[in-house]
């Protein structure tokens, strides 16, 4: 485990709050990314990372029904005064795909619906959708940090001003189950 050598961490990946919650609950190990609007392309800059929940761009109509009902809608430009950091992750695999059939085969493994997948493929069509497989670890106690203006904007990566200790992390999925899920996903690629 990479995290055993790291005592503190301040790099974070911004992702919809519903996706962070689903990863933290162990219901999925997958994210699909193309990067933020301000980014030319998505690249994994850090691993391990904190999972930083965002609310502004969550769109229930782009999620499977069982996840859409949990989305908190907010006004454009809104951000919380504090942010709850509940988990961190090792990004174990980054798999670029452009093939519609491969992406459809992955539908059982993530929270997005087919419209979201189609939209992602059409946006910046010359760039692949990046499938991230994450081994997630939950903090024993949620860390509440103040919002910082540097965290705003449509970007994937931020550095949290407060360094959060990584001690006592709890894997959300047992290692053997995680390896089995990764193998299942890779067989579809």
Foldseek 3Di string as FASTA:
>chain_A
DVCVVPFWAFKAFEDAQLQVVCVLLVVAQKDKDFWFPPDPGDDDPDPWHFYWHDQAPDDLVFWDVVSSVVHDYDHHPDDDQKTWTWKIWGFPDKDFDLDLQLVVVCVSRGTTDPVNVVVVCPVVVVGTIIMTGIFMWTDPDIDIGGDDPQPDDGGTMDGHPDIDTPPPTHTSDPPVVSVVVVVVSVVSD
